[in-house]
Structure formats: structure tokens, C-alpha cells
């Protein structure tokens, strides 16, 4: 069942269906920005993400290794009863996450943001101000093609932002180095022939998590 939730932005959630979520630091977007009236939510998101990627002012706390590490560990090692994660990237001022939720997304995000805000504020010695922008952007993933497109978007975000030249170089993402894992097999959009030529990574939970959502989407069609 799809759940609708609205504050300033509309939110559509469905337990068991993959969802793409983006949240950011407060003050990370220029004040007074104006989008054309005809702009769709998807187009507005792309504009917003480009502004975030190339921001030279505003908070950039997430580029600090200790802060980025907290985010990576909080996402990767979250209670599996909450969600199955497929892709994520921690950018200097925002986070992209692709997951299949096992609980209402509003509760999931409240828990994740509260925990990471507390830990990050503790490390930086910040008090009396919110760490995260109150609302998040989210989009339900409707089919396998969209899942693959969003996964690629997340993985390539550090490259588009000019932080690295290839996704594997970026430490703070699901494409970042993983022990005993050949990196060519880390990319969901690698051609089948190239993937087949890579050494076998052996059993890996992340592979199963990545492959599970498209299979469920196909079965639901």
C-alpha cells in the first residue's frame, strides 16, 4: 500500500518498494532561488542537485572524513529490519540513498537523521541548531529501468561534481573500496561482458541487496 505524506513537499511511500531519497544540510542552497512555474519536481531536483554539487558556500560538514564515516556506517550497518540498502553516496552537503524500506519511510528517516545529527554535532561541538534540513526529497522507483538509472545517478554524482575521475575513487559511497571485492563488479551498469571477465567476488551481502530490488520490481509487473 502506498502512503501519502505532505508537509512543504508531497511524499509517497510504499513499504517493500524501492525509493530514492535525498537530504541535505540546512543553508546549503542559495537563498532566494526561484524555479520556473512549469518546472516539474524532477526537473527542480536536478537543478537543486547541481547547485549542491557545486556549492562554494554554506555548510560542507560532510566532506570531513570523520563526519562522512559516521554517515557511511550509519547507512551501511543500519538495522536490516528498517531497510535493504542498494546505493548511497555522501556528498559534502547532501546524501543520496536508494533503499527498499521495511518500515514507514518517515520513521526510517527520522531515526537515521536523528542518530547521525547527534553524532555529528557531538564531534563538531555544535549545539542549538539543526544539523539536517527538515524535509527530504524522495521518489518511488517504478520499474527496473528507473532503478538502474537512479543507481547510476548516485554512483556518478562525485564524478559529475568534479570530486573524482571515477566512482571507485570516492571513499564515501556504496561504490567505495570494499575489502576483498574487485571494483569492476561494483558498478550495476557495467556491461555484462566486462562484468563476466572480472574475478568472482564471492558471496557478498551488497550484491544480493542490489539484485533483489529489480527482481521484485519485475515480479510485480
N, C-alpha and C. Protein backbone atom coordinates (compact mmCIF):
# COMPACT_ATOMS: atom_id res chain seq x y z
N UNK A 1 0.84 -1.20 0.00
CA UNK A 1 0.00 0.00 0.00
C UNK A 1 0.87 1.25 0.00
N UNK A 2 0.56 2.21 -0.86
CA UNK A 2 1.30 3.47 -0.93
C UNK A 2 0.75 4.46 0.08
N UNK A 3 1.68 5.08 0.83
CA UNK A 3 1.29 6.06 1.84
C UNK A 3 1.64 7.45 1.33
N UNK A 4 0.72 8.40 1.49
CA UNK A 4 0.94 9.78 1.06
C UNK A 4 1.17 10.64 2.29
N UNK A 5 2.21 11.47 2.24
CA UNK A 5 2.53 12.34 3.35
C UNK A 5 2.94 13.69 2.79
N UNK A 6 2.43 14.77 3.34
CA UNK A 6 2.76 16.10 2.81
C UNK A 6 3.10 17.07 3.93
N UNK A 7 4.16 17.83 3.70
CA UNK A 7 4.47 18.98 4.55
C UNK A 7 4.61 20.14 3.56
N UNK A 8 5.84 20.54 3.25
CA UNK A 8 6.02 21.51 2.18
C UNK A 8 6.08 20.80 0.83
N UNK A 9 6.52 19.53 0.85
CA UNK A 9 6.63 18.73 -0.37
C UNK A 9 5.75 17.50 -0.25
N UNK A 10 5.19 16.98 -1.36
CA UNK A 10 4.44 15.73 -1.29
C UNK A 10 5.40 14.55 -1.18
N UNK A 11 5.01 13.54 -0.42
CA UNK A 11 5.84 12.34 -0.24
C UNK A 11 4.96 11.11 -0.43
N UNK A 12 5.42 10.18 -1.27
CA UNK A 12 4.71 8.93 -1.50
C UNK A 12 5.61 7.78 -1.08
N UNK A 13 5.13 6.96 -0.16
CA UNK A 13 5.91 5.86 0.36
C UNK A 13 5.19 4.54 0.15
N UNK A 14 5.94 3.46 -0.03
CA UNK A 14 5.36 2.13 -0.12
C UNK A 14 6.36 1.14 0.47
N UNK A 15 5.99 0.50 1.55
CA UNK A 15 6.86 -0.49 2.17
C UNK A 15 7.09 -1.63 1.17
N UNK A 16 8.36 -1.99 0.99
CA UNK A 16 8.69 -3.07 0.07
C UNK A 16 8.96 -2.62 -1.35
N UNK A 17 8.81 -1.33 -1.64
CA UNK A 17 9.10 -0.80 -2.98
C UNK A 17 10.29 0.13 -2.90
N UNK A 18 11.31 -0.03 -3.77
CA UNK A 18 12.49 0.83 -3.71
C UNK A 18 12.13 2.30 -3.79
N UNK A 19 12.90 3.12 -3.06
CA UNK A 19 12.67 4.56 -3.04
C UNK A 19 14.02 5.27 -3.05
N UNK A 20 14.08 6.37 -3.77
CA UNK A 20 15.27 7.22 -3.87
C UNK A 20 15.06 8.43 -2.95
N UNK A 21 15.98 8.62 -2.00
CA UNK A 21 15.84 9.68 -1.00
C UNK A 21 17.07 10.57 -1.03
N UNK A 22 16.86 11.87 -0.95
CA UNK A 22 17.95 12.85 -0.87
C UNK A 22 17.66 13.80 0.28
N UNK A 23 18.65 14.02 1.12
CA UNK A 23 18.50 15.04 2.16
C UNK A 23 19.81 15.82 2.28
N UNK A 24 19.72 17.03 2.85
CA UNK A 24 20.84 17.95 2.80
C UNK A 24 21.00 18.72 4.11
N UNK A 25 22.12 19.44 4.19
CA UNK A 25 22.37 20.31 5.32
C UNK A 25 21.58 21.60 5.17
N UNK A 26 21.09 22.19 6.25
CA UNK A 26 20.36 23.46 6.14
C UNK A 26 21.30 24.58 5.69
N UNK A 27 20.78 25.48 4.88
CA UNK A 27 21.60 26.59 4.39
C UNK A 27 22.53 26.21 3.27
N UNK A 28 22.36 25.02 2.71
CA UNK A 28 23.27 24.56 1.65
C UNK A 28 22.85 25.03 0.26
N UNK A 29 21.61 25.55 0.13
CA UNK A 29 21.16 26.09 -1.14
C UNK A 29 21.12 27.62 -1.06
N UNK A 30 21.37 28.30 -2.18
CA UNK A 30 21.34 29.77 -2.17
C UNK A 30 19.96 30.29 -1.75
N UNK A 31 19.95 31.31 -0.95
CA UNK A 31 18.68 31.92 -0.54
C UNK A 31 18.05 32.64 -1.73
N UNK A 32 16.72 32.64 -1.78
CA UNK A 32 16.01 33.37 -2.82
C UNK A 32 16.01 32.72 -4.18
N UNK A 33 16.37 31.45 -4.26
CA UNK A 33 16.35 30.77 -5.56
C UNK A 33 14.92 30.67 -6.06
N UNK A 34 14.74 30.78 -7.37
CA UNK A 34 13.40 30.74 -7.96
C UNK A 34 13.42 29.75 -9.12
N UNK A 35 12.45 28.83 -9.15
CA UNK A 35 12.31 27.88 -10.25
C UNK A 35 11.16 28.33 -11.14
N UNK A 36 11.28 28.14 -12.46
CA UNK A 36 10.17 28.49 -13.36
C UNK A 36 8.90 27.74 -12.95
N UNK A 37 7.74 28.35 -13.18
CA UNK A 37 6.47 27.75 -12.78
C UNK A 37 6.23 26.40 -13.45
N UNK A 38 6.74 26.22 -14.67
CA UNK A 38 6.49 24.99 -15.41
C UNK A 38 7.41 23.85 -14.98
N UNK A 39 8.35 24.13 -14.06
CA UNK A 39 9.31 23.13 -13.65
C UNK A 39 8.64 21.98 -12.92
N UNK A 40 8.92 20.75 -13.33
CA UNK A 40 8.39 19.57 -12.63
C UNK A 40 9.25 19.32 -11.39
N UNK A 41 8.76 18.46 -10.50
CA UNK A 41 9.53 18.15 -9.30
C UNK A 41 10.86 17.49 -9.67
N UNK A 42 10.85 16.65 -10.72
CA UNK A 42 12.08 16.00 -11.16
C UNK A 42 13.08 17.00 -11.71
N UNK A 43 12.60 17.96 -12.51
CA UNK A 43 13.49 18.98 -13.05
C UNK A 43 14.03 19.88 -11.95
N UNK A 44 13.18 20.22 -11.00
CA UNK A 44 13.61 21.04 -9.87
C UNK A 44 14.68 20.31 -9.05
N UNK A 45 14.53 18.98 -8.91
CA UNK A 45 15.52 18.20 -8.17
C UNK A 45 16.88 18.27 -8.86
N UNK A 46 16.90 18.12 -10.19
CA UNK A 46 18.16 18.14 -10.92
C UNK A 46 18.85 19.49 -10.74
N UNK A 47 18.08 20.58 -10.83
CA UNK A 47 18.65 21.92 -10.62
C UNK A 47 19.20 22.04 -9.20
N UNK A 48 18.41 21.58 -8.22
CA UNK A 48 18.84 21.64 -6.83
C UNK A 48 20.13 20.85 -6.62
N UNK A 49 20.19 19.66 -7.21
CA UNK A 49 21.36 18.80 -7.00
C UNK A 49 22.61 19.41 -7.62
N UNK A 50 22.46 20.06 -8.76
CA UNK A 50 23.61 20.73 -9.39
C UNK A 50 24.11 21.87 -8.51
N UNK A 51 23.18 22.62 -7.93
CA UNK A 51 23.57 23.70 -7.02
C UNK A 51 24.32 23.15 -5.82
N UNK A 52 23.84 22.04 -5.27
CA UNK A 52 24.50 21.43 -4.12
C UNK A 52 25.89 20.90 -4.50
N UNK A 53 25.98 20.27 -5.67
CA UNK A 53 27.25 19.68 -6.10
C UNK A 53 28.35 20.71 -6.26
N UNK A 54 27.98 21.90 -6.69
CA UNK A 54 28.99 22.92 -7.00
C UNK A 54 28.97 24.08 -6.02
N UNK A 55 28.39 23.86 -4.85
CA UNK A 55 28.32 24.92 -3.84
C UNK A 55 29.73 25.27 -3.34
N UNK A 56 29.98 26.55 -3.22
CA UNK A 56 31.25 27.04 -2.67
C UNK A 56 31.04 27.77 -1.35
N UNK A 57 29.79 27.87 -0.94
CA UNK A 57 29.47 28.49 0.34
C UNK A 57 28.42 27.64 1.03
N UNK A 58 28.11 28.00 2.26
CA UNK A 58 27.18 27.18 3.02
C UNK A 58 27.92 26.03 3.70
N UNK A 59 27.26 25.29 4.56
CA UNK A 59 27.92 24.21 5.30
C UNK A 59 28.33 23.06 4.38
N UNK A 60 29.53 22.56 4.61
CA UNK A 60 30.06 21.42 3.86
C UNK A 60 30.63 20.38 4.84
N UNK A 61 29.93 20.20 5.95
CA UNK A 61 30.42 19.35 7.02
C UNK A 61 30.70 17.92 6.57
N UNK A 62 29.93 17.43 5.61
CA UNK A 62 30.02 16.01 5.26
C UNK A 62 31.28 15.67 4.49
N UNK A 63 32.08 16.66 4.13
CA UNK A 63 33.35 16.36 3.45
C UNK A 63 34.45 16.05 4.46
N UNK A 64 34.18 16.30 5.75
CA UNK A 64 35.14 15.94 6.78
C UNK A 64 35.15 14.42 6.95
N UNK A 65 36.30 13.76 6.85
CA UNK A 65 36.35 12.30 6.89
C UNK A 65 35.64 11.69 8.09
N UNK A 66 35.79 12.26 9.26
CA UNK A 66 35.17 11.68 10.45
C UNK A 66 33.64 11.76 10.36
N UNK A 67 33.14 12.85 9.81
CA UNK A 67 31.69 13.02 9.66
C UNK A 67 31.17 12.10 8.55
N UNK A 68 31.87 12.06 7.43
CA UNK A 68 31.46 11.19 6.32
C UNK A 68 31.46 9.73 6.76
N UNK A 69 32.43 9.35 7.59
CA UNK A 69 32.50 7.95 8.06
C UNK A 69 31.29 7.60 8.92
N UNK A 70 30.86 8.53 9.75
CA UNK A 70 29.66 8.30 10.56
C UNK A 70 28.46 8.03 9.65
N UNK A 71 28.33 8.82 8.59
CA UNK A 71 27.21 8.65 7.67
C UNK A 71 27.26 7.30 6.97
N UNK A 72 28.44 6.93 6.47
CA UNK A 72 28.58 5.67 5.76
C UNK A 72 28.22 4.50 6.68
N UNK A 73 28.75 4.51 7.89
CA UNK A 73 28.49 3.41 8.82
C UNK A 73 27.03 3.37 9.24
N UNK A 74 26.42 4.54 9.43
CA UNK A 74 25.02 4.58 9.84
C UNK A 74 24.12 4.02 8.75
N UNK A 75 24.45 4.29 7.49
CA UNK A 75 23.65 3.78 6.37
C UNK A 75 23.92 2.30 6.13
N UNK A 76 25.18 1.93 6.09
CA UNK A 76 25.55 0.56 5.72
C UNK A 76 25.18 -0.46 6.80
N UNK A 77 25.30 -0.07 8.06
CA UNK A 77 25.11 -1.03 9.14
C UNK A 77 23.83 -0.78 9.94
N UNK A 78 22.85 -0.13 9.30
CA UNK A 78 21.56 0.09 9.95
C UNK A 78 20.87 -1.25 10.18
N UNK A 79 19.98 -1.28 11.13
CA UNK A 79 19.20 -2.49 11.41
C UNK A 79 18.53 -2.97 10.13
N UNK A 80 18.80 -4.19 9.66
CA UNK A 80 18.20 -4.67 8.40
C UNK A 80 16.69 -4.77 8.46
N UNK A 81 16.11 -4.67 9.65
CA UNK A 81 14.66 -4.66 9.75
C UNK A 81 14.08 -3.33 9.24
N UNK A 82 14.92 -2.29 9.16
CA UNK A 82 14.45 -0.99 8.70
C UNK A 82 14.42 -0.89 7.18
N UNK A 83 15.50 -1.35 6.52
CA UNK A 83 15.56 -1.26 5.07
C UNK A 83 16.64 -2.16 4.51
N UNK A 84 16.55 -2.37 3.22
CA UNK A 84 17.56 -3.06 2.42
C UNK A 84 18.21 -1.98 1.56
N UNK A 85 19.49 -1.71 1.77
CA UNK A 85 20.11 -0.62 1.01
C UNK A 85 20.73 -1.16 -0.28
N UNK A 86 20.65 -0.32 -1.33
CA UNK A 86 21.16 -0.69 -2.64
C UNK A 86 22.31 0.24 -3.06
N UNK A 87 22.12 1.54 -2.91
CA UNK A 87 23.14 2.51 -3.30
C UNK A 87 23.08 3.71 -2.35
N UNK A 88 24.24 4.34 -2.14
CA UNK A 88 24.26 5.61 -1.41
C UNK A 88 25.52 6.37 -1.77
N UNK A 89 25.50 7.67 -1.55
CA UNK A 89 26.69 8.49 -1.64
C UNK A 89 26.55 9.65 -0.65
N UNK A 90 27.63 9.93 0.04
CA UNK A 90 27.66 11.04 1.00
C UNK A 90 28.48 12.15 0.37
N UNK A 91 27.81 13.17 -0.14
CA UNK A 91 28.45 14.33 -0.74
C UNK A 91 28.77 15.36 0.34
N UNK A 92 29.51 16.42 0.03
CA UNK A 92 29.90 17.38 1.07
C UNK A 92 28.74 18.05 1.81
N UNK A 93 27.57 18.19 1.14
CA UNK A 93 26.46 18.89 1.81
C UNK A 93 25.12 18.17 1.65
N UNK A 94 25.13 16.96 1.09
CA UNK A 94 23.88 16.22 0.95
C UNK A 94 24.15 14.73 0.80
N UNK A 95 23.10 13.94 0.91
CA UNK A 95 23.21 12.48 0.84
C UNK A 95 22.15 11.95 -0.12
N UNK A 96 22.55 10.99 -0.98
CA UNK A 96 21.61 10.26 -1.82
C UNK A 96 21.54 8.82 -1.31
N UNK A 97 20.34 8.27 -1.27
CA UNK A 97 20.16 6.91 -0.77
C UNK A 97 19.09 6.19 -1.58
N UNK A 98 19.39 4.98 -2.01
CA UNK A 98 18.42 4.13 -2.72
C UNK A 98 18.22 2.88 -1.88
N UNK A 99 17.02 2.70 -1.36
CA UNK A 99 16.73 1.59 -0.45
C UNK A 99 15.36 1.00 -0.75
N UNK A 100 15.15 -0.19 -0.23
CA UNK A 100 13.82 -0.77 -0.17
C UNK A 100 13.41 -0.78 1.30
N UNK A 101 12.45 0.04 1.70
CA UNK A 101 12.09 0.14 3.12
C UNK A 101 11.28 -1.05 3.62
N UNK A 102 11.52 -1.43 4.87
CA UNK A 102 10.74 -2.46 5.54
C UNK A 102 9.86 -1.86 6.63
N UNK A 103 9.80 -0.54 6.67
CA UNK A 103 9.00 0.18 7.64
C UNK A 103 8.61 1.51 7.01
N UNK A 104 7.67 2.28 7.60
CA UNK A 104 7.33 3.58 7.02
C UNK A 104 8.56 4.46 6.86
N UNK A 105 8.70 5.08 5.69
CA UNK A 105 9.90 5.86 5.38
C UNK A 105 10.05 7.06 6.32
N UNK A 106 8.93 7.64 6.74
CA UNK A 106 9.02 8.79 7.64
C UNK A 106 9.72 8.40 8.94
N UNK A 107 9.38 7.23 9.49
CA UNK A 107 10.03 6.77 10.71
C UNK A 107 11.48 6.39 10.48
N UNK A 108 11.74 5.78 9.34
CA UNK A 108 13.10 5.39 8.98
C UNK A 108 14.01 6.60 8.91
N UNK A 109 13.55 7.64 8.19
CA UNK A 109 14.37 8.84 8.03
C UNK A 109 14.51 9.61 9.34
N UNK A 110 13.47 9.63 10.13
CA UNK A 110 13.56 10.31 11.43
C UNK A 110 14.63 9.66 12.29
N UNK A 111 14.66 8.33 12.30
CA UNK A 111 15.64 7.60 13.08
C UNK A 111 17.06 7.84 12.56
N UNK A 112 17.24 7.74 11.24
CA UNK A 112 18.56 7.90 10.64
C UNK A 112 19.09 9.32 10.82
N UNK A 113 18.24 10.30 10.58
CA UNK A 113 18.68 11.69 10.69
C UNK A 113 18.94 12.09 12.14
N UNK A 114 18.12 11.58 13.06
CA UNK A 114 18.31 11.92 14.48
C UNK A 114 19.64 11.36 14.99
N UNK A 115 19.91 10.10 14.66
CA UNK A 115 21.15 9.47 15.12
C UNK A 115 22.38 10.17 14.54
N UNK A 116 22.39 10.38 13.22
CA UNK A 116 23.57 10.99 12.59
C UNK A 116 23.74 12.44 13.02
N UNK A 117 22.65 13.17 13.22
CA UNK A 117 22.75 14.55 13.69
C UNK A 117 23.39 14.61 15.06
N UNK A 118 22.95 13.72 15.94
CA UNK A 118 23.50 13.71 17.30
C UNK A 118 25.00 13.41 17.29
N UNK A 119 25.40 12.40 16.51
CA UNK A 119 26.81 12.01 16.47
C UNK A 119 27.67 13.08 15.81
N UNK A 120 27.19 13.64 14.71
CA UNK A 120 27.97 14.67 14.00
C UNK A 120 28.08 15.95 14.83
N UNK A 121 27.00 16.36 15.45
CA UNK A 121 27.06 17.55 16.31
C UNK A 121 28.00 17.33 17.47
N UNK A 122 28.02 16.13 18.02
CA UNK A 122 28.91 15.83 19.14
C UNK A 122 30.37 15.98 18.72
N UNK A 123 30.72 15.46 17.56
CA UNK A 123 32.10 15.53 17.07
C UNK A 123 32.52 16.97 16.79
N UNK A 124 31.61 17.75 16.19
CA UNK A 124 31.95 19.12 15.82
C UNK A 124 31.70 20.12 16.93
N UNK A 125 31.09 19.67 18.03
CA UNK A 125 30.84 20.57 19.15
C UNK A 125 29.77 21.60 18.86
N UNK A 126 28.79 21.23 18.02
CA UNK A 126 27.71 22.15 17.67
C UNK A 126 26.49 21.91 18.56
N UNK A 127 25.87 22.97 18.98
CA UNK A 127 24.65 22.86 19.78
C UNK A 127 23.67 23.96 19.37
N UNK A 128 22.39 23.72 19.62
CA UNK A 128 21.38 24.75 19.43
C UNK A 128 20.98 25.04 18.00
N UNK A 129 21.33 24.15 17.06
CA UNK A 129 20.94 24.36 15.68
C UNK A 129 20.72 23.02 15.00
N UNK A 130 19.79 22.95 14.04
CA UNK A 130 19.54 21.67 13.36
C UNK A 130 20.72 21.28 12.48
N UNK A 131 21.01 20.01 12.43
CA UNK A 131 22.09 19.54 11.57
C UNK A 131 21.60 19.28 10.16
N UNK A 132 20.35 18.80 10.01
CA UNK A 132 19.77 18.46 8.72
C UNK A 132 18.62 19.41 8.37
N UNK A 133 18.47 19.69 7.08
CA UNK A 133 17.27 20.35 6.59
C UNK A 133 16.08 19.47 6.95
N UNK A 134 14.98 20.08 7.37
CA UNK A 134 13.86 19.32 7.92
C UNK A 134 13.28 18.33 6.91
N UNK A 135 13.05 18.76 5.68
CA UNK A 135 12.43 17.88 4.69
C UNK A 135 13.45 17.23 3.77
N UNK A 136 13.04 16.10 3.19
CA UNK A 136 13.86 15.37 2.24
C UNK A 136 13.12 15.28 0.90
N UNK A 137 13.89 15.04 -0.16
CA UNK A 137 13.29 14.76 -1.46
C UNK A 137 13.23 13.24 -1.60
N UNK A 138 12.12 12.71 -2.12
CA UNK A 138 12.06 11.28 -2.33
C UNK A 138 11.24 10.96 -3.58
N UNK A 139 11.54 9.80 -4.14
CA UNK A 139 10.84 9.35 -5.35
C UNK A 139 10.72 7.83 -5.32
N UNK A 140 9.51 7.32 -5.46
CA UNK A 140 9.31 5.89 -5.58
C UNK A 140 9.87 5.39 -6.90
N UNK A 141 10.58 4.27 -6.87
CA UNK A 141 11.14 3.68 -8.08
C UNK A 141 10.08 2.77 -8.69
N UNK A 142 9.76 3.00 -9.96
CA UNK A 142 8.61 2.34 -10.57
C UNK A 142 8.93 1.09 -11.38
N UNK A 143 10.16 0.95 -11.85
CA UNK A 143 10.49 -0.21 -12.67
C UNK A 143 12.01 -0.42 -12.68
N UNK A 144 12.43 -1.49 -13.33
CA UNK A 144 13.86 -1.84 -13.35
C UNK A 144 14.69 -0.78 -14.05
N UNK A 145 14.16 -0.23 -15.14
CA UNK A 145 14.90 0.79 -15.89
C UNK A 145 15.18 2.01 -15.02
N UNK A 146 14.16 2.43 -14.27
CA UNK A 146 14.34 3.59 -13.40
C UNK A 146 15.30 3.26 -12.26
N UNK A 147 15.23 2.04 -11.73
CA UNK A 147 16.15 1.63 -10.68
C UNK A 147 17.60 1.75 -11.16
N UNK A 148 17.88 1.23 -12.36
CA UNK A 148 19.24 1.27 -12.90
C UNK A 148 19.68 2.71 -13.15
N UNK A 149 18.76 3.55 -13.63
CA UNK A 149 19.09 4.95 -13.91
C UNK A 149 19.44 5.69 -12.62
N UNK A 150 18.67 5.46 -11.57
CA UNK A 150 18.93 6.13 -10.30
C UNK A 150 20.23 5.62 -9.68
N UNK A 151 20.46 4.30 -9.77
CA UNK A 151 21.71 3.75 -9.24
C UNK A 151 22.92 4.39 -9.92
N UNK A 152 22.84 4.54 -11.23
CA UNK A 152 23.94 5.18 -11.96
C UNK A 152 24.09 6.64 -11.55
N UNK A 153 22.96 7.32 -11.38
CA UNK A 153 22.99 8.73 -10.98
C UNK A 153 23.73 8.88 -9.66
N UNK A 154 23.41 8.01 -8.70
CA UNK A 154 24.04 8.09 -7.39
C UNK A 154 25.54 7.80 -7.50
N UNK A 155 25.89 6.74 -8.20
CA UNK A 155 27.29 6.34 -8.30
C UNK A 155 28.15 7.39 -8.99
N UNK A 156 27.57 8.07 -9.98
CA UNK A 156 28.33 9.05 -10.76
C UNK A 156 28.31 10.45 -10.16
N UNK A 157 27.57 10.66 -9.09
CA UNK A 157 27.45 12.01 -8.52
C UNK A 157 28.81 12.63 -8.17
N UNK A 158 29.71 11.91 -7.50
CA UNK A 158 31.02 12.52 -7.19
C UNK A 158 31.83 12.86 -8.44
N UNK A 159 31.63 12.11 -9.52
CA UNK A 159 32.34 12.40 -10.78
C UNK A 159 31.77 13.66 -11.41
N UNK A 160 30.43 13.77 -11.47
CA UNK A 160 29.80 14.96 -12.03
C UNK A 160 30.18 16.21 -11.25
N UNK A 161 30.36 16.06 -9.93
CA UNK A 161 30.69 17.21 -9.10
C UNK A 161 32.18 17.57 -9.17
N UNK A 162 32.96 16.78 -9.89
CA UNK A 162 34.38 17.08 -10.04
C UNK A 162 35.24 16.67 -8.85
N UNK A 163 34.71 15.81 -7.98
CA UNK A 163 35.47 15.39 -6.79
C UNK A 163 36.45 14.27 -7.10
N UNK A 164 36.13 13.43 -8.08
CA UNK A 164 36.97 12.31 -8.50
C UNK A 164 36.80 12.12 -10.00
N UNK A 165 37.63 11.26 -10.58
CA UNK A 165 37.51 11.00 -12.01
C UNK A 165 36.79 9.68 -12.30
N UNK A 166 36.63 8.83 -11.29
CA UNK A 166 35.87 7.59 -11.45
C UNK A 166 35.16 7.29 -10.13
N UNK A 167 34.00 6.62 -10.18
CA UNK A 167 33.23 6.38 -8.96
C UNK A 167 33.99 5.63 -7.89
N UNK A 168 34.86 4.69 -8.30
CA UNK A 168 35.57 3.86 -7.33
C UNK A 168 36.54 4.65 -6.48
N UNK A 169 36.95 5.83 -6.94
CA UNK A 169 37.91 6.65 -6.20
C UNK A 169 37.27 7.33 -4.99
N UNK A 170 35.95 7.45 -5.00
CA UNK A 170 35.28 8.19 -3.94
C UNK A 170 35.04 7.27 -2.75
N UNK A 171 35.55 7.66 -1.59
CA UNK A 171 35.51 6.79 -0.42
C UNK A 171 34.14 6.66 0.21
N UNK A 172 33.31 7.71 0.06
CA UNK A 172 32.10 7.79 0.88
C UNK A 172 30.86 7.41 0.08
N UNK A 173 30.87 6.22 -0.49
CA UNK A 173 29.71 5.76 -1.25
C UNK A 173 29.68 4.24 -1.25
N UNK A 174 28.59 3.69 -1.77
CA UNK A 174 28.48 2.24 -1.90
C UNK A 174 29.39 1.69 -2.97
N UNK A 175 30.00 2.55 -3.78
CA UNK A 175 30.96 2.11 -4.79
C UNK A 175 32.37 2.19 -4.24
N UNK A 176 32.55 2.81 -3.07
CA UNK A 176 33.86 2.95 -2.47
C UNK A 176 34.49 1.60 -2.19
N UNK A 177 35.80 1.59 -1.92
CA UNK A 177 36.51 0.32 -1.71
C UNK A 177 35.86 -0.56 -0.66
N UNK A 178 35.67 -1.84 -1.00
CA UNK A 178 35.15 -2.83 -0.08
C UNK A 178 36.17 -3.96 -0.02
N UNK A 179 36.52 -4.42 1.17
CA UNK A 179 37.55 -5.44 1.32
C UNK A 179 37.26 -6.68 0.47
N UNK A 180 38.29 -7.18 -0.19
CA UNK A 180 38.20 -8.42 -0.96
C UNK A 180 37.17 -8.37 -2.07
N UNK A 181 36.99 -7.21 -2.67
CA UNK A 181 35.97 -7.09 -3.72
C UNK A 181 36.56 -6.40 -4.94
N UNK A 182 36.57 -7.03 -6.13
CA UNK A 182 37.08 -6.38 -7.34
C UNK A 182 36.15 -5.24 -7.73
N UNK A 183 36.70 -4.05 -7.93
CA UNK A 183 35.87 -2.87 -8.10
C UNK A 183 35.07 -2.86 -9.39
N UNK A 184 35.53 -3.54 -10.43
CA UNK A 184 34.77 -3.51 -11.68
C UNK A 184 33.40 -4.14 -11.48
N UNK A 185 33.27 -5.09 -10.58
CA UNK A 185 31.99 -5.72 -10.33
C UNK A 185 31.10 -4.91 -9.44
N UNK A 186 31.58 -3.74 -9.00
CA UNK A 186 30.84 -2.90 -8.08
C UNK A 186 29.79 -2.04 -8.77
N UNK A 187 29.88 -1.93 -10.07
CA UNK A 187 29.03 -0.99 -10.78
C UNK A 187 27.87 -1.72 -11.44
N UNK A 188 26.66 -1.34 -11.06
CA UNK A 188 25.48 -2.05 -11.55
C UNK A 188 25.26 -1.85 -13.04
N UNK A 189 25.88 -0.81 -13.63
CA UNK A 189 25.62 -0.53 -15.04
C UNK A 189 26.77 -0.99 -15.94
N UNK A 190 27.76 -1.73 -15.37
CA UNK A 190 28.84 -2.29 -16.18
C UNK A 190 28.24 -3.27 -17.18
N UNK A 191 28.78 -3.30 -18.40
CA UNK A 191 28.26 -4.21 -19.42
C UNK A 191 28.44 -5.65 -18.98
N UNK A 192 27.51 -6.56 -19.36
CA UNK A 192 27.58 -7.96 -18.93
C UNK A 192 28.91 -8.62 -19.28
N UNK A 193 29.46 -8.30 -20.46
CA UNK A 193 30.71 -8.92 -20.87
C UNK A 193 31.87 -8.52 -19.97
N UNK A 194 31.95 -7.23 -19.62
CA UNK A 194 33.02 -6.76 -18.76
C UNK A 194 32.84 -7.30 -17.35
N UNK A 195 31.59 -7.38 -16.88
CA UNK A 195 31.33 -7.91 -15.55
C UNK A 195 31.75 -9.39 -15.48
N UNK A 196 31.46 -10.13 -16.57
CA UNK A 196 31.78 -11.55 -16.58
C UNK A 196 33.28 -11.79 -16.54
N UNK A 197 34.07 -10.83 -17.06
CA UNK A 197 35.51 -11.01 -17.11
C UNK A 197 36.19 -10.69 -15.79
N UNK A 198 35.44 -10.08 -14.86
CA UNK A 198 36.01 -9.73 -13.56
C UNK A 198 36.11 -10.97 -12.69
N UNK A 199 37.12 -11.02 -11.78
CA UNK A 199 37.22 -12.14 -10.86
C UNK A 199 35.98 -12.23 -10.00
N UNK A 200 35.59 -13.42 -9.64
CA UNK A 200 34.40 -13.60 -8.82
C UNK A 200 34.62 -13.03 -7.43
N UNK A 201 33.72 -12.17 -6.94
CA UNK A 201 33.89 -11.56 -5.62
C UNK A 201 33.46 -12.48 -4.50
N UNK A 202 32.85 -13.62 -4.81
CA UNK A 202 32.36 -14.48 -3.74
C UNK A 202 31.07 -13.91 -3.19
N UNK A 203 30.50 -14.57 -2.19
CA UNK A 203 29.24 -14.10 -1.63
C UNK A 203 29.41 -12.75 -0.98
N UNK A 204 28.50 -11.87 -1.26
CA UNK A 204 28.57 -10.52 -0.70
C UNK A 204 27.16 -10.01 -0.51
N UNK A 205 26.88 -9.54 0.69
CA UNK A 205 25.50 -9.12 1.01
C UNK A 205 25.07 -7.98 0.12
N UNK A 206 26.01 -7.09 -0.24
CA UNK A 206 25.62 -5.93 -1.03
C UNK A 206 25.17 -6.34 -2.42
N UNK A 207 25.81 -7.38 -3.00
CA UNK A 207 25.36 -7.87 -4.30
C UNK A 207 23.92 -8.36 -4.21
N UNK A 208 23.63 -9.10 -3.16
CA UNK A 208 22.28 -9.64 -3.01
C UNK A 208 21.27 -8.50 -2.83
N UNK A 209 21.67 -7.46 -2.07
CA UNK A 209 20.77 -6.35 -1.84
C UNK A 209 20.51 -5.59 -3.13
N UNK A 210 21.57 -5.39 -3.94
CA UNK A 210 21.42 -4.66 -5.20
C UNK A 210 20.52 -5.42 -6.16
N UNK A 211 20.73 -6.75 -6.24
CA UNK A 211 19.99 -7.55 -7.21
C UNK A 211 18.56 -7.80 -6.79
N UNK A 212 18.28 -7.73 -5.49
CA UNK A 212 16.96 -8.09 -5.01
C UNK A 212 15.85 -7.17 -5.48
N UNK A 213 16.09 -5.86 -5.48
CA UNK A 213 15.03 -4.91 -5.82
C UNK A 213 14.57 -5.03 -7.27
N UNK A 214 15.47 -5.07 -8.28
CA UNK A 214 14.99 -5.24 -9.64
C UNK A 214 14.20 -6.52 -9.83
N UNK A 215 14.61 -7.59 -9.13
CA UNK A 215 13.88 -8.84 -9.27
C UNK A 215 12.45 -8.69 -8.73
N UNK A 216 12.31 -7.99 -7.61
CA UNK A 216 11.00 -7.78 -7.04
C UNK A 216 10.14 -6.88 -7.94
N UNK A 217 10.79 -5.86 -8.54
CA UNK A 217 10.06 -4.98 -9.44
C UNK A 217 9.56 -5.75 -10.65
N UNK A 218 10.39 -6.66 -11.17
CA UNK A 218 9.99 -7.44 -12.34
C UNK A 218 8.84 -8.37 -11.98
N UNK A 219 8.90 -8.95 -10.81
CA UNK A 219 7.87 -9.89 -10.39
C UNK A 219 6.53 -9.20 -10.19
N UNK A 220 6.60 -7.92 -9.84
CA UNK A 220 5.36 -7.17 -9.54
C UNK A 220 4.68 -6.67 -10.80
N UNK A 221 5.37 -6.72 -11.94
CA UNK A 221 4.80 -6.17 -13.19
C UNK A 221 3.70 -7.07 -13.74
